[in-house]
Amino acid sequence: SPLTVPMLMPNGPAAHVGIELKARAGVHAPVSACASGAEAIAWAYRML
């Protein structure tokens, strides 16, 4: 599939949601194993 890379890249979930919501302040994808989801929330706290 020509969509292979966009489908397998770890930032794919964030990118798709960001595009749908037209978010332009930043789209980020922490990859910290089993702490990734919590780190995303911590990152959001700091940006806000």
ModelCIF file with pLDDT and N, C-alpha, C, O atoms, coordinates in Angstrom:
data_MODEL
#
_entry.id   MODEL 
#
_entity.id                         1 
_entity.type                       polymer 
_entity.pdbx_number_of_molecules   1 
#
_entity_poly.entity_id                      1 
_entity_poly.type                           'polypeptide(L)' 
_entity_poly.nstd_linkage                   no 
_entity_poly.nstd_monomer                   no 
_entity_poly.pdbx_seq_one_letter_code       SPLTVPMLMPNGPAAHVGIELKARAGVHAPVSACASGAEAIAWAYRML 
_entity_poly.pdbx_seq_one_letter_code_can   SPLTVPMLMPNGPAAHVGIELKARAGVHAPVSACASGAEAIAWAYRML 
_entity_poly.pdbx_strand_id                 A 
#
loop_
_entity_poly_seq.entity_id 
_entity_poly_seq.num 
_entity_poly_seq.mon_id 
_entity_poly_seq.hetero 
1 1  SER n 
1 2  PRO n 
1 3  LEU n 
1 4  THR n 
1 5  VAL n 
1 6  PRO n 
1 7  MET n 
1 8  LEU n 
1 9  MET n 
1 10 PRO n 
1 11 ASN n 
1 12 GLY n 
1 13 PRO n 
1 14 ALA n 
1 15 ALA n 
1 16 HIS n 
1 17 VAL n 
1 18 GLY n 
1 19 ILE n 
1 20 GLU n 
1 21 LEU n 
1 22 LYS n 
1 23 ALA n 
1 24 ARG n 
1 25 ALA n 
1 26 GLY n 
1 27 VAL n 
1 28 HIS n 
1 29 ALA n 
1 30 PRO n 
1 31 VAL n 
1 32 SER n 
1 33 ALA n 
1 34 CYS n 
1 35 ALA n 
1 36 SER n 
1 37 GLY n 
1 38 ALA n 
1 39 GLU n 
1 40 ALA n 
1 41 ILE n 
1 42 ALA n 
1 43 TRP n 
1 44 ALA n 
1 45 TYR n 
1 46 ARG n 
1 47 MET n 
1 48 LEU n 
#
_struct_asym.id          A 
_struct_asym.entity_id   1 
#
loop_
_ma_qa_metric.id 
_ma_qa_metric.mode 
_ma_qa_metric.name 
_ma_qa_metric.software_group_id 
_ma_qa_metric.type 
1 global pLDDT . pLDDT 
2 local  pLDDT . pLDDT 
#
_ma_qa_metric_global.metric_id      1 
_ma_qa_metric_global.metric_value   97.54 
_ma_qa_metric_global.model_id       1 
_ma_qa_metric_global.ordinal_id     1 
#
loop_
_ma_qa_metric_local.label_asym_id 
_ma_qa_metric_local.label_comp_id 
_ma_qa_metric_local.label_seq_id 
_ma_qa_metric_local.metric_id 
_ma_qa_metric_local.metric_value 
_ma_qa_metric_local.model_id 
_ma_qa_metric_local.ordinal_id 
A SER 1  2 96.00 1 1  
A PRO 2  2 96.00 1 2  
A LEU 3  2 97.00 1 3  
A THR 4  2 96.00 1 4  
A VAL 5  2 97.00 1 5  
A PRO 6  2 97.00 1 6  
A MET 7  2 97.00 1 7  
A LEU 8  2 96.00 1 8  
A MET 9  2 97.00 1 9  
A PRO 10 2 97.00 1 10 
A ASN 11 2 98.00 1 11 
A GLY 12 2 98.00 1 12 
A PRO 13 2 98.00 1 13 
A ALA 14 2 98.00 1 14 
A ALA 15 2 98.00 1 15 
A HIS 16 2 98.00 1 16 
A VAL 17 2 98.00 1 17 
A GLY 18 2 98.00 1 18 
A ILE 19 2 98.00 1 19 
A GLU 20 2 97.00 1 20 
A LEU 21 2 97.00 1 21 
A LYS 22 2 96.00 1 22 
A ALA 23 2 97.00 1 23 
A ARG 24 2 98.00 1 24 
A ALA 25 2 98.00 1 25 
A GLY 26 2 98.00 1 26 
A VAL 27 2 98.00 1 27 
A HIS 28 2 98.00 1 28 
A ALA 29 2 98.00 1 29 
A PRO 30 2 98.00 1 30 
A VAL 31 2 98.00 1 31 
A SER 32 2 97.00 1 32 
A ALA 33 2 97.00 1 33 
A CYS 34 2 97.00 1 34 
A ALA 35 2 98.00 1 35 
A SER 36 2 98.00 1 36 
A GLY 37 2 98.00 1 37 
A ALA 38 2 98.00 1 38 
A GLU 39 2 98.00 1 39 
A ALA 40 2 98.00 1 40 
A ILE 41 2 98.00 1 41 
A ALA 42 2 98.00 1 42 
A TRP 43 2 98.00 1 43 
A ALA 44 2 98.00 1 44 
A TYR 45 2 98.00 1 45 
A ARG 46 2 98.00 1 46 
A MET 47 2 98.00 1 47 
A LEU 48 2 98.00 1 48 
#
loop_
_atom_site.group_PDB 
_atom_site.id 
_atom_site.type_symbol 
_atom_site.label_atom_id 
_atom_site.label_alt_id 
_atom_site.label_comp_id 
_atom_site.label_asym_id 
_atom_site.label_entity_id 
_atom_site.label_seq_id 
_atom_site.pdbx_PDB_ins_code 
_atom_site.Cartn_x 
_atom_site.Cartn_y 
_atom_site.Cartn_z 
_atom_site.occupancy 
_atom_site.B_iso_or_equiv 
_atom_site.pdbx_formal_charge 
_atom_site.auth_seq_id 
_atom_site.auth_comp_id 
_atom_site.auth_asym_id 
_atom_site.auth_atom_id 
_atom_site.pdbx_PDB_model_num 
ATOM 1   N N  . SER A 1 1  ? 0.818   -1.209 0.000  1.00 96.00 ? 1  SER A N  1 
ATOM 2   C CA . SER A 1 1  ? 0.000   0.000  0.000  1.00 96.00 ? 1  SER A CA 1 
ATOM 3   C C  . SER A 1 1  ? 0.859   1.268  0.000  1.00 96.00 ? 1  SER A C  1 
ATOM 4   O O  . SER A 1 1  ? 1.858   1.329  0.716  1.00 96.00 ? 1  SER A O  1 
ATOM 5   N N  . PRO A 1 2  ? 0.490   2.271  -0.784 1.00 96.00 ? 2  PRO A N  1 
ATOM 6   C CA . PRO A 1 2  ? 1.206   3.548  -0.735 1.00 96.00 ? 2  PRO A CA 1 
ATOM 7   C C  . PRO A 1 2  ? 1.000   4.280  0.588  1.00 96.00 ? 2  PRO A C  1 
ATOM 8   O O  . PRO A 1 2  ? 1.690   5.258  0.877  1.00 96.00 ? 2  PRO A O  1 
ATOM 9   N N  . LEU A 1 3  ? 0.037   3.797  1.399  1.00 97.00 ? 3  LEU A N  1 
ATOM 10  C CA . LEU A 1 3  ? -0.216  4.394  2.710  1.00 97.00 ? 3  LEU A CA 1 
ATOM 11  C C  . LEU A 1 3  ? 0.540   3.680  3.826  1.00 97.00 ? 3  LEU A C  1 
ATOM 12  O O  . LEU A 1 3  ? 0.307   3.946  5.005  1.00 97.00 ? 3  LEU A O  1 
ATOM 13  N N  . THR A 1 4  ? 1.443   2.775  3.459  1.00 96.00 ? 4  THR A N  1 
ATOM 14  C CA . THR A 1 4  ? 2.147   1.972  4.459  1.00 96.00 ? 4  THR A CA 1 
ATOM 15  C C  . THR A 1 4  ? 2.841   2.829  5.517  1.00 96.00 ? 4  THR A C  1 
ATOM 16  O O  . THR A 1 4  ? 2.639   2.622  6.714  1.00 96.00 ? 4  THR A O  1 
ATOM 17  N N  . VAL A 1 5  ? 3.648   3.776  5.089  1.00 97.00 ? 5  VAL A N  1 
ATOM 18  C CA . VAL A 1 5  ? 4.403   4.577  6.062  1.00 97.00 ? 5  VAL A CA 1 
ATOM 19  C C  . VAL A 1 5  ? 3.488   5.432  6.936  1.00 97.00 ? 5  VAL A C  1 
ATOM 20  O O  . VAL A 1 5  ? 3.662   5.424  8.155  1.00 97.00 ? 5  VAL A O  1 
ATOM 21  N N  . PRO A 1 6  ? 2.515   6.177  6.376  1.00 97.00 ? 6  PRO A N  1 
ATOM 22  C CA . PRO A 1 6  ? 1.603   6.926  7.246  1.00 97.00 ? 6  PRO A CA 1 
ATOM 23  C C  . PRO A 1 6  ? 0.814   6.044  8.214  1.00 97.00 ? 6  PRO A C  1 
ATOM 24  O O  . PRO A 1 6  ? 0.375   6.513  9.264  1.00 97.00 ? 6  PRO A O  1 
ATOM 25  N N  . MET A 1 7  ? 0.634   4.761  7.860  1.00 97.00 ? 7  MET A N  1 
ATOM 26  C CA . MET A 1 7  ? -0.115  3.868  8.730  1.00 97.00 ? 7  MET A CA 1 
ATOM 27  C C  . MET A 1 7  ? 0.749   3.258  9.830  1.00 97.00 ? 7  MET A C  1 
ATOM 28  O O  . MET A 1 7  ? 0.242   2.916  10.899 1.00 97.00 ? 7  MET A O  1 
ATOM 29  N N  . LEU A 1 8  ? 2.061   3.117  9.573  1.00 96.00 ? 8  LEU A N  1 
ATOM 30  C CA . LEU A 1 8  ? 2.890   2.464  10.582 1.00 96.00 ? 8  LEU A CA 1 
ATOM 31  C C  . LEU A 1 8  ? 3.650   3.440  11.475 1.00 96.00 ? 8  LEU A C  1 
ATOM 32  O O  . LEU A 1 8  ? 4.130   3.048  12.538 1.00 96.00 ? 8  LEU A O  1 
ATOM 33  N N  . MET A 1 9  ? 3.770   4.707  11.064 1.00 97.00 ? 9  MET A N  1 
ATOM 34  C CA . MET A 1 9  ? 4.590   5.638  11.831 1.00 97.00 ? 9  MET A CA 1 
ATOM 35  C C  . MET A 1 9  ? 3.946   5.948  13.185 1.00 97.00 ? 9  MET A C  1 
ATOM 36  O O  . MET A 1 9  ? 2.734   6.147  13.265 1.00 97.00 ? 9  MET A O  1 
ATOM 37  N N  . PRO A 1 10 ? 4.757   5.991  14.251 1.00 97.00 ? 10 PRO A N  1 
ATOM 38  C CA . PRO A 1 10 ? 4.212   6.210  15.601 1.00 97.00 ? 10 PRO A CA 1 
ATOM 39  C C  . PRO A 1 10 ? 3.480   7.534  15.777 1.00 97.00 ? 10 PRO A C  1 
ATOM 40  O O  . PRO A 1 10 ? 2.628   7.659  16.657 1.00 97.00 ? 10 PRO A O  1 
ATOM 41  N N  . ASN A 1 11 ? 3.807   8.532  14.939 1.00 98.00 ? 11 ASN A N  1 
ATOM 42  C CA . ASN A 1 11 ? 3.090   9.800  15.044 1.00 98.00 ? 11 ASN A CA 1 
ATOM 43  C C  . ASN A 1 11 ? 1.797   9.812  14.240 1.00 98.00 ? 11 ASN A C  1 
ATOM 44  O O  . ASN A 1 11 ? 1.108   10.831 14.186 1.00 98.00 ? 11 ASN A O  1 
ATOM 45  N N  . GLY A 1 12 ? 1.462   8.682  13.615 1.00 98.00 ? 12 GLY A N  1 
ATOM 46  C CA . GLY A 1 12 ? 0.247   8.597  12.817 1.00 98.00 ? 12 GLY A CA 1 
ATOM 47  C C  . GLY A 1 12 ? -1.024  8.909  13.590 1.00 98.00 ? 12 GLY A C  1 
ATOM 48  O O  . GLY A 1 12 ? -1.844  9.686  13.099 1.00 98.00 ? 12 GLY A O  1 
ATOM 49  N N  . PRO A 1 13 ? -1.231  8.336  14.786 1.00 98.00 ? 13 PRO A N  1 
ATOM 50  C CA . PRO A 1 13 ? -2.455  8.653  15.538 1.00 98.00 ? 13 PRO A CA 1 
ATOM 51  C C  . PRO A 1 13 ? -2.600  10.148 15.814 1.00 98.00 ? 13 PRO A C  1 
ATOM 52  O O  . PRO A 1 13 ? -3.673  10.715 15.612 1.00 98.00 ? 13 PRO A O  1 
ATOM 53  N N  . ALA A 1 14 ? -1.530  10.785 16.273 1.00 98.00 ? 14 ALA A N  1 
ATOM 54  C CA . ALA A 1 14 ? -1.587  12.221 16.563 1.00 98.00 ? 14 ALA A CA 1 
ATOM 55  C C  . ALA A 1 14 ? -1.812  13.021 15.289 1.00 98.00 ? 14 ALA A C  1 
ATOM 56  O O  . ALA A 1 14 ? -2.582  13.982 15.278 1.00 98.00 ? 14 ALA A O  1 
ATOM 57  N N  . ALA A 1 15 ? -1.136  12.619 14.216 1.00 98.00 ? 15 ALA A N  1 
ATOM 58  C CA . ALA A 1 15 ? -1.243  13.362 12.963 1.00 98.00 ? 15 ALA A CA 1 
ATOM 59  C C  . ALA A 1 15 ? -2.658  13.322 12.399 1.00 98.00 ? 15 ALA A C  1 
ATOM 60  O O  . ALA A 1 15 ? -3.182  14.350 11.969 1.00 98.00 ? 15 ALA A O  1 
ATOM 61  N N  . HIS A 1 16 ? -3.272  12.160 12.396 1.00 98.00 ? 16 HIS A N  1 
ATOM 62  C CA . HIS A 1 16 ? -4.628  12.044 11.856 1.00 98.00 ? 16 HIS A CA 1 
ATOM 63  C C  . HIS A 1 16 ? -5.627  12.876 12.659 1.00 98.00 ? 16 HIS A C  1 
ATOM 64  O O  . HIS A 1 16 ? -6.485  13.550 12.090 1.00 98.00 ? 16 HIS A O  1 
ATOM 65  N N  . VAL A 1 17 ? -5.508  12.821 13.978 1.00 98.00 ? 17 VAL A N  1 
ATOM 66  C CA . VAL A 1 17 ? -6.414  13.612 14.814 1.00 98.00 ? 17 VAL A CA 1 
ATOM 67  C C  . VAL A 1 17 ? -6.149  15.097 14.622 1.00 98.00 ? 17 VAL A C  1 
ATOM 68  O O  . VAL A 1 17 ? -7.085  15.892 14.541 1.00 98.00 ? 17 VAL A O  1 
ATOM 69  N N  . GLY A 1 18 ? -4.872  15.473 14.547 1.00 98.00 ? 18 GLY A N  1 
ATOM 70  C CA . GLY A 1 18 ? -4.532  16.873 14.353 1.00 98.00 ? 18 GLY A CA 1 
ATOM 71  C C  . GLY A 1 18 ? -5.062  17.428 13.044 1.00 98.00 ? 18 GLY A C  1 
ATOM 72  O O  . GLY A 1 18 ? -5.550  18.557 12.994 1.00 98.00 ? 18 GLY A O  1 
ATOM 73  N N  . ILE A 1 19 ? -4.967  16.641 11.992 1.00 98.00 ? 19 ILE A N  1 
ATOM 74  C CA . ILE A 1 19 ? -5.475  17.081 10.690 1.00 98.00 ? 19 ILE A CA 1 
ATOM 75  C C  . ILE A 1 19 ? -6.996  17.220 10.726 1.00 98.00 ? 19 ILE A C  1 
ATOM 76  O O  . ILE A 1 19 ? -7.550  18.187 10.204 1.00 98.00 ? 19 ILE A O  1 
ATOM 77  N N  . GLU A 1 20 ? -7.664  16.247 11.344 1.00 97.00 ? 20 GLU A N  1 
ATOM 78  C CA . GLU A 1 20 ? -9.127  16.305 11.410 1.00 97.00 ? 20 GLU A CA 1 
ATOM 79  C C  . GLU A 1 20 ? -9.606  17.539 12.169 1.00 97.00 ? 20 GLU A C  1 
ATOM 80  O O  . GLU A 1 20 ? -10.594 18.165 11.785 1.00 97.00 ? 20 GLU A O  1 
ATOM 81  N N  . LEU A 1 21 ? -8.903  17.888 13.247 1.00 97.00 ? 21 LEU A N  1 
ATOM 82  C CA . LEU A 1 21 ? -9.314  19.025 14.075 1.00 97.00 ? 21 LEU A CA 1 
ATOM 83  C C  . LEU A 1 21 ? -8.704  20.337 13.598 1.00 97.00 ? 21 LEU A C  1 
ATOM 84  O O  . LEU A 1 21 ? -9.000  21.400 14.143 1.00 97.00 ? 21 LEU A O  1 
ATOM 85  N N  . LYS A 1 22 ? -7.847  20.259 12.577 1.00 96.00 ? 22 LYS A N  1 
ATOM 86  C CA . LYS A 1 22 ? -7.154  21.441 12.054 1.00 96.00 ? 22 LYS A CA 1 
ATOM 87  C C  . LYS A 1 22 ? -6.331  22.132 13.141 1.00 96.00 ? 22 LYS A C  1 
ATOM 88  O O  . LYS A 1 22 ? -6.271  23.360 13.214 1.00 96.00 ? 22 LYS A O  1 
ATOM 89  N N  . ALA A 1 23 ? -5.695  21.307 13.987 1.00 97.00 ? 23 ALA A N  1 
ATOM 90  C CA . ALA A 1 23 ? -4.873  21.832 15.076 1.00 97.00 ? 23 ALA A CA 1 
ATOM 91  C C  . ALA A 1 23 ? -3.554  22.376 14.524 1.00 97.00 ? 23 ALA A C  1 
ATOM 92  O O  . ALA A 1 23 ? -2.837  21.678 13.806 1.00 97.00 ? 23 ALA A O  1 
ATOM 93  N N  . ARG A 1 24 ? -3.241  23.634 14.867 1.00 98.00 ? 24 ARG A N  1 
ATOM 94  C CA . ARG A 1 24 ? -2.042  24.252 14.318 1.00 98.00 ? 24 ARG A CA 1 
ATOM 95  C C  . ARG A 1 24 ? -1.068  24.755 15.386 1.00 98.00 ? 24 ARG A C  1 
ATOM 96  O O  . ARG A 1 24 ? -0.044  25.355 15.057 1.00 98.00 ? 24 ARG A O  1 
ATOM 97  N N  . ALA A 1 25 ? -1.382  24.514 16.661 1.00 98.00 ? 25 ALA A N  1 
ATOM 98  C CA . ALA A 1 25 ? -0.449  24.908 17.712 1.00 98.00 ? 25 ALA A CA 1 
ATOM 99  C C  . ALA A 1 25 ? 0.616   23.835 17.942 1.00 98.00 ? 25 ALA A C  1 
ATOM 100 O O  . ALA A 1 25 ? 1.569   24.039 18.694 1.00 98.00 ? 25 ALA A O  1 
ATOM 101 N N  . GLY A 1 26 ? 0.439   22.697 17.286 1.00 98.00 ? 26 GLY A N  1 
ATOM 102 C CA . GLY A 1 26 ? 1.414   21.616 17.428 1.00 98.00 ? 26 GLY A CA 1 
ATOM 103 C C  . GLY A 1 26 ? 0.739   20.261 17.438 1.00 98.00 ? 26 GLY A C  1 
ATOM 104 O O  . GLY A 1 26 ? -0.347  20.098 17.994 1.00 98.00 ? 26 GLY A O  1 
ATOM 105 N N  . VAL A 1 27 ? 1.392   19.291 16.819 1.00 98.00 ? 27 VAL A N  1 
ATOM 106 C CA . VAL A 1 27 ? 0.962   17.890 16.869 1.00 98.00 ? 27 VAL A CA 1 
ATOM 107 C C  . VAL A 1 27 ? 2.177   17.078 17.273 1.00 98.00 ? 27 VAL A C  1 
ATOM 108 O O  . VAL A 1 27 ? 3.183   17.062 16.563 1.00 98.00 ? 27 VAL A O  1 
ATOM 109 N N  . HIS A 1 28 ? 2.090   16.401 18.417 1.00 98.00 ? 28 HIS A N  1 
ATOM 110 C CA . HIS A 1 28 ? 3.254   15.717 18.976 1.00 98.00 ? 28 HIS A CA 1 
ATOM 111 C C  . HIS A 1 28 ? 2.908   14.272 19.328 1.00 98.00 ? 28 HIS A C  1 
ATOM 112 O O  . HIS A 1 28 ? 1.745   13.933 19.545 1.00 98.00 ? 28 HIS A O  1 
ATOM 113 N N  . ALA A 1 29 ? 3.939   13.428 19.380 1.00 98.00 ? 29 ALA A N  1 
ATOM 114 C CA . ALA A 1 29 ? 3.731   11.997 19.622 1.00 98.00 ? 29 ALA A CA 1 
ATOM 115 C C  . ALA A 1 29 ? 4.842   11.438 20.508 1.00 98.00 ? 29 ALA A C  1 
ATOM 116 O O  . ALA A 1 29 ? 5.812   10.878 19.997 1.00 98.00 ? 29 ALA A O  1 
ATOM 117 N N  . PRO A 1 30 ? 4.714   11.579 21.824 1.00 98.00 ? 30 PRO A N  1 
ATOM 118 C CA . PRO A 1 30 ? 5.714   10.989 22.725 1.00 98.00 ? 30 PRO A CA 1 
ATOM 119 C C  . PRO A 1 30 ? 5.758   9.467  22.567 1.00 98.00 ? 30 PRO A C  1 
ATOM 120 O O  . PRO A 1 30 ? 4.719   8.808  22.523 1.00 98.00 ? 30 PRO A O  1 
ATOM 121 N N  . VAL A 1 31 ? 6.945   8.930  22.484 1.00 98.00 ? 31 VAL A N  1 
ATOM 122 C CA . VAL A 1 31 ? 7.123   7.474  22.424 1.00 98.00 ? 31 VAL A CA 1 
ATOM 123 C C  . VAL A 1 31 ? 8.001   7.085  23.600 1.00 98.00 ? 31 VAL A C  1 
ATOM 124 O O  . VAL A 1 31 ? 9.228   7.124  23.516 1.00 98.00 ? 31 VAL A O  1 
ATOM 125 N N  . SER A 1 32 ? 7.361   6.711  24.691 1.00 97.00 ? 32 SER A N  1 
ATOM 126 C CA . SER A 1 32 ? 8.054   6.389  25.935 1.00 97.00 ? 32 SER A CA 1 
ATOM 127 C C  . SER A 1 32 ? 7.566   5.062  26.481 1.00 97.00 ? 32 SER A C  1 
ATOM 128 O O  . SER A 1 32 ? 7.304   4.913  27.674 1.00 97.00 ? 32 SER A O  1 
ATOM 129 N N  . ALA A 1 33 ? 7.448   4.082  25.555 1.00 97.00 ? 33 ALA A N  1 
ATOM 130 C CA . ALA A 1 33 ? 6.971   2.748  25.927 1.00 97.00 ? 33 ALA A CA 1 
ATOM 131 C C  . ALA A 1 33 ? 5.631   2.869  26.661 1.00 97.00 ? 33 ALA A C  1 
ATOM 132 O O  . ALA A 1 33 ? 4.722   3.549  26.186 1.00 97.00 ? 33 ALA A O  1 
ATOM 133 N N  . CYS A 1 34 ? 5.511   2.216  27.809 1.00 97.00 ? 34 CYS A N  1 
ATOM 134 C CA . CYS A 1 34 ? 4.222   2.154  28.494 1.00 97.00 ? 34 CYS A CA 1 
ATOM 135 C C  . CYS A 1 34 ? 3.877   3.432  29.248 1.00 97.00 ? 34 CYS A C  1 
ATOM 136 O O  . CYS A 1 34 ? 2.811   3.522  29.856 1.00 97.00 ? 34 CYS A O  1 
ATOM 137 N N  . ALA A 1 35 ? 4.760   4.414  29.216 1.00 98.00 ? 35 ALA A N  1 
ATOM 138 C CA . ALA A 1 35 ? 4.480   5.714  29.826 1.00 98.00 ? 35 ALA A CA 1 
ATOM 139 C C  . ALA A 1 35 ? 4.043   6.740  28.789 1.00 98.00 ? 35 ALA A C  1 
ATOM 140 O O  . ALA A 1 35 ? 3.833   7.903  29.135 1.00 98.00 ? 35 ALA A O  1 
ATOM 141 N N  . SER A 1 36 ? 3.903   6.342  27.526 1.00 98.00 ? 36 SER A N  1 
ATOM 142 C CA . SER A 1 36 ? 3.669   7.287  26.431 1.00 98.00 ? 36 SER A CA 1 
ATOM 143 C C  . SER A 1 36 ? 2.395   8.106  26.595 1.00 98.00 ? 36 SER A C  1 
ATOM 144 O O  . SER A 1 36 ? 2.425   9.327  26.436 1.00 98.00 ? 36 SER A O  1 
ATOM 145 N N  . GLY A 1 37 ? 1.288   7.464  26.906 1.00 98.00 ? 37 GLY A N  1 
ATOM 146 C CA . GLY A 1 37 ? 0.026   8.175  27.045 1.00 98.00 ? 37 GLY A CA 1 
ATOM 147 C C  . GLY A 1 37 ? 0.052   9.178  28.179 1.00 98.00 ? 37 GLY A C  1 
ATOM 148 O O  . GLY A 1 37 ? -0.452  10.292 28.042 1.00 98.00 ? 37 GLY A O  1 
ATOM 149 N N  . ALA A 1 38 ? 0.643   8.782  29.304 1.00 98.00 ? 38 ALA A N  1 
ATOM 150 C CA . ALA A 1 38 ? 0.754   9.699  30.444 1.00 98.00 ? 38 ALA A CA 1 
ATOM 151 C C  . ALA A 1 38 ? 1.697   10.845 30.118 1.00 98.00 ? 38 ALA A C  1 
ATOM 152 O O  . ALA A 1 38 ? 1.451   11.983 30.518 1.00 98.00 ? 38 ALA A O  1 
ATOM 153 N N  . GLU A 1 39 ? 2.774   10.557 29.394 1.00 98.00 ? 39 GLU A N  1 
ATOM 154 C CA . GLU A 1 39 ? 3.707   11.621 29.043 1.00 98.00 ? 39 GLU A CA 1 
ATOM 155 C C  . GLU A 1 39 ? 3.056   12.632 28.102 1.00 98.00 ? 39 GLU A C  1 
ATOM 156 O O  . GLU A 1 39 ? 3.357   13.824 28.160 1.00 98.00 ? 39 GLU A O  1 
ATOM 157 N N  . ALA A 1 40 ? 2.165   12.152 27.236 1.00 98.00 ? 40 ALA A N  1 
ATOM 158 C CA . ALA A 1 40 ? 1.435   13.071 26.358 1.00 98.00 ? 40 ALA A CA 1 
ATOM 159 C C  . ALA A 1 40 ? 0.608   14.053 27.181 1.00 98.00 ? 40 ALA A C  1 
ATOM 160 O O  . ALA A 1 40 ? 0.546   15.238 26.856 1.00 98.00 ? 40 ALA A O  1 
ATOM 161 N N  . ILE A 1 41 ? -0.023  13.567 28.238 1.00 98.00 ? 41 ILE A N  1 
ATOM 162 C CA . ILE A 1 41 ? -0.833  14.431 29.098 1.00 98.00 ? 41 ILE A CA 1 
ATOM 163 C C  . ILE A 1 41 ? 0.060   15.398 29.866 1.00 98.00 ? 41 ILE A C  1 
ATOM 164 O O  . ILE A 1 41 ? -0.296  16.562 30.050 1.00 98.00 ? 41 ILE A O  1 
ATOM 165 N N  . ALA A 1 42 ? 1.222   14.917 30.317 1.00 98.00 ? 42 ALA A N  1 
ATOM 166 C CA . ALA A 1 42 ? 2.176   15.803 31.000 1.00 98.00 ? 42 ALA A CA 1 
ATOM 167 C C  . ALA A 1 42 ? 2.678   16.890 30.055 1.00 98.00 ? 42 ALA A C  1 
ATOM 168 O O  . ALA A 1 42 ? 2.834   18.045 30.451 1.00 98.00 ? 42 ALA A O  1 
ATOM 169 N N  . TRP A 1 43 ? 2.929   16.513 28.813 1.00 98.00 ? 43 TRP A N  1 
ATOM 170 C CA . TRP A 1 43 ? 3.377   17.463 27.794 1.00 98.00 ? 43 TRP A CA 1 
ATOM 171 C C  . TRP A 1 43 ? 2.302   18.528 27.553 1.00 98.00 ? 43 TRP A C  1 
ATOM 172 O O  . TRP A 1 43 ? 2.604   19.712 27.409 1.00 98.00 ? 43 TRP A O  1 
ATOM 173 N N  . ALA A 1 44 ? 1.045   18.083 27.513 1.00 98.00 ? 44 ALA A N  1 
ATOM 174 C CA . ALA A 1 44 ? -0.059  19.024 27.325 1.00 98.00 ? 44 ALA A CA 1 
ATOM 175 C C  . ALA A 1 44 ? -0.116  20.027 28.465 1.00 98.00 ? 44 ALA A C  1 
ATOM 176 O O  . ALA A 1 44 ? -0.319  21.220 28.243 1.00 98.00 ? 44 ALA A O  1 
ATOM 177 N N  . TYR A 1 45 ? 0.064   19.542 29.679 1.00 98.00 ? 45 TYR A N  1 
ATOM 178 C CA . TYR A 1 45 ? 0.063   20.416 30.857 1.00 98.00 ? 45 TYR A CA 1 
ATOM 179 C C  . TYR A 1 45 ? 1.106   21.514 30.698 1.00 98.00 ? 45 TYR A C  1 
ATOM 180 O O  . TYR A 1 45 ? 0.831   22.687 30.951 1.00 98.00 ? 45 TYR A O  1 
ATOM 181 N N  . ARG A 1 46 ? 2.290   21.129 30.282 1.00 98.00 ? 46 ARG A N  1 
ATOM 182 C CA . ARG A 1 46 ? 3.372   22.109 30.170 1.00 98.00 ? 46 ARG A CA 1 
ATOM 183 C C  . ARG A 1 46 ? 3.125   23.104 29.047 1.00 98.00 ? 46 ARG A C  1 
ATOM 184 O O  . ARG A 1 46 ? 3.431   24.287 29.198 1.00 98.00 ? 46 ARG A O  1 
ATOM 185 N N  . MET A 1 47 ? 2.575   22.649 27.923 1.00 98.00 ? 47 MET A N  1 
ATOM 186 C CA . MET A 1 47 ? 2.262   23.575 26.833 1.00 98.00 ? 47 MET A CA 1 
ATOM 187 C C  . MET A 1 47 ? 1.194   24.579 27.243 1.00 98.00 ? 47 MET A C  1 
ATOM 188 O O  . MET A 1 47 ? 1.267   25.757 26.892 1.00 98.00 ? 47 MET A O  1 
ATOM 189 N N  . LEU A 1 48 ? 0.203   24.103 27.986 1.00 98.00 ? 48 LEU A N  1 
ATOM 190 C CA . LEU A 1 48 ? -0.859  25.006 28.435 1.00 98.00 ? 48 LEU A CA 1 
ATOM 191 C C  . LEU A 1 48 ? -0.331  26.001 29.464 1.00 98.00 ? 48 LEU A C  1 
ATOM 192 O O  . LEU A 1 48 ? -1.085  26.841 29.954 1.00 98.00 ? 48 LEU A O  1 
#
